[in-house]
């Protein structure tokens, strides 16, 4: 009997700031390209996947330039179709957009700490039209699409951003509860170019983490 498990490898896009630049918070409204380092990180992800026999059967990507450039690099290595989906888009950070972490901590210290450590959505700060639940529902719809259109035991590569990866963690009940109670979400922050390997049980409709924040 073939278990109804789809392996999903989430890849956070690579660097979008040069080493000489001060990084700021960028979300769905800031469409930056990859830097040369970011492109190298995508190449490193290709090498890791090949070495570990995690060759994707499908490549899904969010709509931002940094997602699409990453997808192009991965697609040049693997014979897998690239499929665009808004479900993998980054969140909209609203008033935090374009500000440094220090600026955010200074002006919104409690909200920042609650979001960073417990994934508590700051509705008065982030884009009001796209709430945590709308992102979760879009991801559930995408996972349901995978269950219908992807063969069991397939490997799917999903290119996205850090904020969306945090939302994925909130969709794994036991893990999310533990991270919430222990203020531990920040420990699961994914580095640029980092990989997260999960399995999706298409029968039980559940995600489980196998490896998180792997640096290729």
Protein backbone atom coordinates (compact mmCIF):
# COMPACT_ATOMS: atom_id res chain seq x y z
CA UNK A 1 0.00 0.00 0.00
CA UNK A 2 1.35 3.43 -0.97
CA UNK A 3 1.04 5.92 1.86
CA UNK A 4 -0.69 9.13 0.71
CA UNK A 5 2.33 11.32 1.51
CA UNK A 6 3.62 14.16 -0.64
CA UNK A 7 7.06 15.47 0.23
CA UNK A 8 7.09 19.28 0.10
CA UNK A 9 10.37 21.15 0.18
CA UNK A 10 9.82 24.81 1.00
CA UNK A 11 12.67 27.03 -0.16
CA UNK A 12 13.06 30.57 1.09
CA UNK A 13 14.43 32.74 -1.70
CA UNK A 14 18.00 34.00 -1.36
CA UNK A 15 19.42 37.41 -0.51
CA UNK A 16 17.83 40.56 -1.88
CA UNK A 17 20.17 43.00 -0.11
CA UNK A 18 23.85 43.47 -0.83
CA UNK A 19 26.31 43.09 2.04
CA UNK A 20 26.84 46.87 1.96
CA UNK A 21 23.12 47.60 2.35
CA UNK A 22 21.07 47.80 5.55
CA UNK A 23 18.29 45.18 5.34
CA UNK A 24 14.72 46.36 5.92
CA UNK A 25 11.42 44.55 6.26
CA UNK A 26 10.10 43.62 2.82
CA UNK A 27 6.79 41.96 2.11
CA UNK A 28 4.34 41.49 -0.72
CA UNK A 29 4.49 45.14 -1.82
CA UNK A 30 8.28 45.31 -2.21
CA UNK A 31 9.39 43.46 -5.35
CA UNK A 32 13.16 43.12 -5.10
CA UNK A 33 15.31 40.93 -7.37
CA UNK A 34 17.91 38.49 -6.09
CA UNK A 35 21.45 39.67 -5.56
CA UNK A 36 24.37 37.67 -6.92
CA UNK A 37 24.59 36.03 -3.49
CA UNK A 38 20.89 35.19 -3.74
CA UNK A 39 21.45 33.48 -7.08
CA UNK A 40 24.35 31.53 -5.59
CA UNK A 41 22.06 30.39 -2.77
CA UNK A 42 19.59 29.07 -5.34
CA UNK A 43 22.41 27.16 -7.04
CA UNK A 44 23.40 25.75 -3.65
CA UNK A 45 19.83 24.55 -3.14
CA UNK A 46 20.03 22.72 -6.48
CA UNK A 47 23.21 20.95 -5.40
CA UNK A 48 21.69 19.98 -2.04
CA UNK A 49 18.57 18.53 -3.63
CA UNK A 50 20.59 16.53 -6.15
CA UNK A 51 22.98 15.22 -3.51
CA UNK A 52 20.14 14.14 -1.21
CA UNK A 53 18.01 12.64 -3.99
CA UNK A 54 15.26 15.19 -3.49
CA UNK A 55 14.73 15.95 -7.15
CA UNK A 56 11.39 17.78 -7.49
CA UNK A 57 8.62 16.49 -9.71
CA UNK A 58 6.92 19.90 -9.61
CA UNK A 59 8.14 23.41 -8.78
CA UNK A 60 5.61 25.84 -7.33
CA UNK A 61 6.51 29.49 -6.85
CA UNK A 62 5.13 32.66 -5.36
CA UNK A 63 4.60 35.65 -7.70
CA UNK A 64 7.37 38.04 -6.60
CA UNK A 65 10.52 38.63 -8.64
CA UNK A 66 12.70 37.05 -5.96
CA UNK A 67 10.51 33.93 -6.11
CA UNK A 68 10.42 33.76 -9.90
CA UNK A 69 14.18 34.23 -10.33
CA UNK A 70 14.77 31.42 -7.84
CA UNK A 71 12.30 29.21 -9.70
CA UNK A 72 14.07 29.88 -13.01
CA UNK A 73 17.40 28.76 -11.55
CA UNK A 74 15.89 25.58 -10.08
CA UNK A 75 14.02 24.82 -13.29
CA UNK A 76 17.25 25.08 -15.28
CA UNK A 77 18.60 22.14 -13.25
CA UNK A 78 15.55 19.91 -13.00
CA UNK A 79 13.05 18.69 -15.58
CA UNK A 80 10.04 19.86 -13.61
CA UNK A 81 7.23 22.23 -14.59
CA UNK A 82 7.08 25.62 -12.87
CA UNK A 83 3.63 26.52 -11.57
CA UNK A 84 2.78 29.97 -10.21
CA UNK A 85 0.50 30.32 -7.19
CA UNK A 86 -0.50 33.31 -5.07
CA UNK A 87 -0.79 30.95 -2.08
CA UNK A 88 3.01 31.14 -1.73
CA UNK A 89 3.16 34.93 -1.83
CA UNK A 90 4.82 36.78 1.04
CA UNK A 91 2.61 38.52 3.59
CA UNK A 92 2.05 42.28 3.56
CA UNK A 93 3.83 43.86 6.55
CA UNK A 94 1.86 47.08 6.34
CA UNK A 95 3.41 49.81 8.49
CA UNK A 96 6.58 47.76 9.01
CA UNK A 97 7.35 47.72 5.30
CA UNK A 98 10.70 49.35 4.50
CA UNK A 99 11.75 49.77 8.14
CA UNK A 100 14.73 48.19 9.86
CA UNK A 101 14.23 45.69 12.68
CA UNK A 102 15.56 48.26 15.16
CA UNK A 103 13.03 50.85 13.97
CA UNK A 104 10.23 48.31 14.30
CA UNK A 105 11.34 47.21 17.76
CA UNK A 106 11.52 50.82 18.91
CA UNK A 107 8.08 51.86 17.65
CA UNK A 108 6.14 48.60 18.07
CA UNK A 109 8.11 46.65 20.67
CA UNK A 110 5.23 44.57 22.10
CA UNK A 111 3.64 43.80 18.73
CA UNK A 112 7.00 42.87 17.24
CA UNK A 113 7.85 40.54 20.11
CA UNK A 114 4.42 38.89 19.96
CA UNK A 115 4.73 38.33 16.20
CA UNK A 116 8.35 37.17 16.32
CA UNK A 117 7.99 34.80 19.26
CA UNK A 118 4.34 33.68 19.18
CA UNK A 119 3.11 34.42 15.64
CA UNK A 120 0.40 36.73 17.00
CA UNK A 121 -0.86 38.63 13.96
CA UNK A 122 -0.78 42.44 14.51
CA UNK A 123 -4.03 43.34 12.73
CA UNK A 124 -3.59 47.06 13.40
CA UNK A 125 -0.21 47.04 11.63
CA UNK A 126 -0.28 44.48 8.80
CA UNK A 127 -2.45 44.84 5.71
CA UNK A 128 -6.06 44.60 6.89
CA UNK A 129 -7.27 42.92 3.69
CA UNK A 130 -5.02 39.88 4.11
CA UNK A 131 -5.29 38.36 7.57
CA UNK A 132 -3.57 35.30 8.99
CA UNK A 133 -6.68 33.24 8.27
CA UNK A 134 -6.83 34.24 4.61
CA UNK A 135 -3.23 33.07 4.13
CA UNK A 136 -3.98 29.83 5.97
CA UNK A 137 -7.03 29.21 3.80
CA UNK A 138 -5.07 29.89 0.60
CA UNK A 139 -2.46 27.37 1.71
CA UNK A 140 -5.13 24.79 2.57
CA UNK A 141 -6.63 25.25 -0.89
CA UNK A 142 -3.19 24.81 -2.44
CA UNK A 143 -2.54 21.64 -0.43
CA UNK A 144 -5.92 20.30 -1.51
CA UNK A 145 -4.96 21.05 -5.12
CA UNK A 146 -1.75 19.07 -4.60
CA UNK A 147 -3.67 16.12 -3.21
CA UNK A 148 -5.76 15.97 -6.40
CA UNK A 149 -3.10 16.80 -8.99
CA UNK A 150 0.04 15.19 -7.55
CA UNK A 151 0.82 11.50 -7.27
CA UNK A 152 1.49 10.08 -3.79
CA UNK A 153 5.23 9.86 -3.02
CA UNK A 154 5.88 12.86 -5.31
CA UNK A 155 8.35 15.57 -4.33
CA UNK A 156 7.19 19.16 -4.63
CA UNK A 157 9.45 22.21 -4.38
CA UNK A 158 7.69 25.36 -3.15
CA UNK A 159 9.50 28.71 -3.36
CA UNK A 160 8.29 31.34 -0.94
CA UNK A 161 9.33 33.83 1.79
CA UNK A 162 9.94 33.86 5.52
CA UNK A 163 6.62 35.32 6.66
CA UNK A 164 4.66 32.72 4.74
CA UNK A 165 6.85 29.96 6.23
CA UNK A 166 5.83 31.14 9.70
CA UNK A 167 2.19 30.82 8.69
CA UNK A 168 2.86 27.24 7.58
CA UNK A 169 4.10 26.49 11.10
CA UNK A 170 0.81 27.79 12.53
CA UNK A 171 -0.96 25.09 10.49
CA UNK A 172 0.75 22.22 12.34
CA UNK A 173 -1.34 22.15 15.55
CA UNK A 174 0.89 20.40 18.09
CA UNK A 175 4.06 22.16 16.95
CA UNK A 176 2.32 25.54 16.74
CA UNK A 177 0.91 25.17 20.26
CA UNK A 178 4.32 24.28 21.65
CA UNK A 179 6.00 27.21 19.90
CA UNK A 180 3.25 29.57 21.06
CA UNK A 181 3.41 28.48 24.69
CA UNK A 182 7.22 28.58 24.76
CA UNK A 183 7.59 31.81 22.72
CA UNK A 184 9.60 29.75 20.25
CA UNK A 185 8.53 30.81 16.77
CA UNK A 186 11.60 33.00 16.34
CA UNK A 187 13.77 29.90 16.78
CA UNK A 188 12.18 28.54 13.59
CA UNK A 189 12.97 31.61 11.49
CA UNK A 190 14.27 30.43 8.11
CA UNK A 191 17.46 31.95 6.75
CA UNK A 192 17.61 33.24 3.18
CA UNK A 193 18.20 30.27 0.90
CA UNK A 194 17.09 27.88 3.65
CA UNK A 195 15.13 24.68 3.04
CA UNK A 196 12.26 23.20 5.05
CA UNK A 197 11.23 19.62 4.38
CA UNK A 198 7.71 18.57 5.33
CA UNK A 199 5.31 15.78 4.45
CA UNK A 200 1.65 16.26 3.62
CA UNK A 201 -0.69 13.38 4.40
CA UNK A 202 -3.33 13.78 1.72
CA UNK A 203 -5.72 11.43 3.52
CA UNK A 204 -5.54 12.99 7.00
CA UNK A 205 -4.85 16.46 5.51
CA UNK A 206 -1.98 17.03 7.92
CA UNK A 207 1.50 18.50 7.61
CA UNK A 208 4.49 17.18 9.55
CA UNK A 209 7.97 18.65 9.73
CA UNK A 210 10.90 16.39 8.83
CA UNK A 211 13.61 19.04 8.74
CA UNK A 212 13.47 22.80 9.13
CA UNK A 213 15.79 25.64 8.17
CA UNK A 214 18.43 23.54 6.44
CA UNK A 215 21.30 25.56 4.98
CA UNK A 216 22.33 23.94 1.67
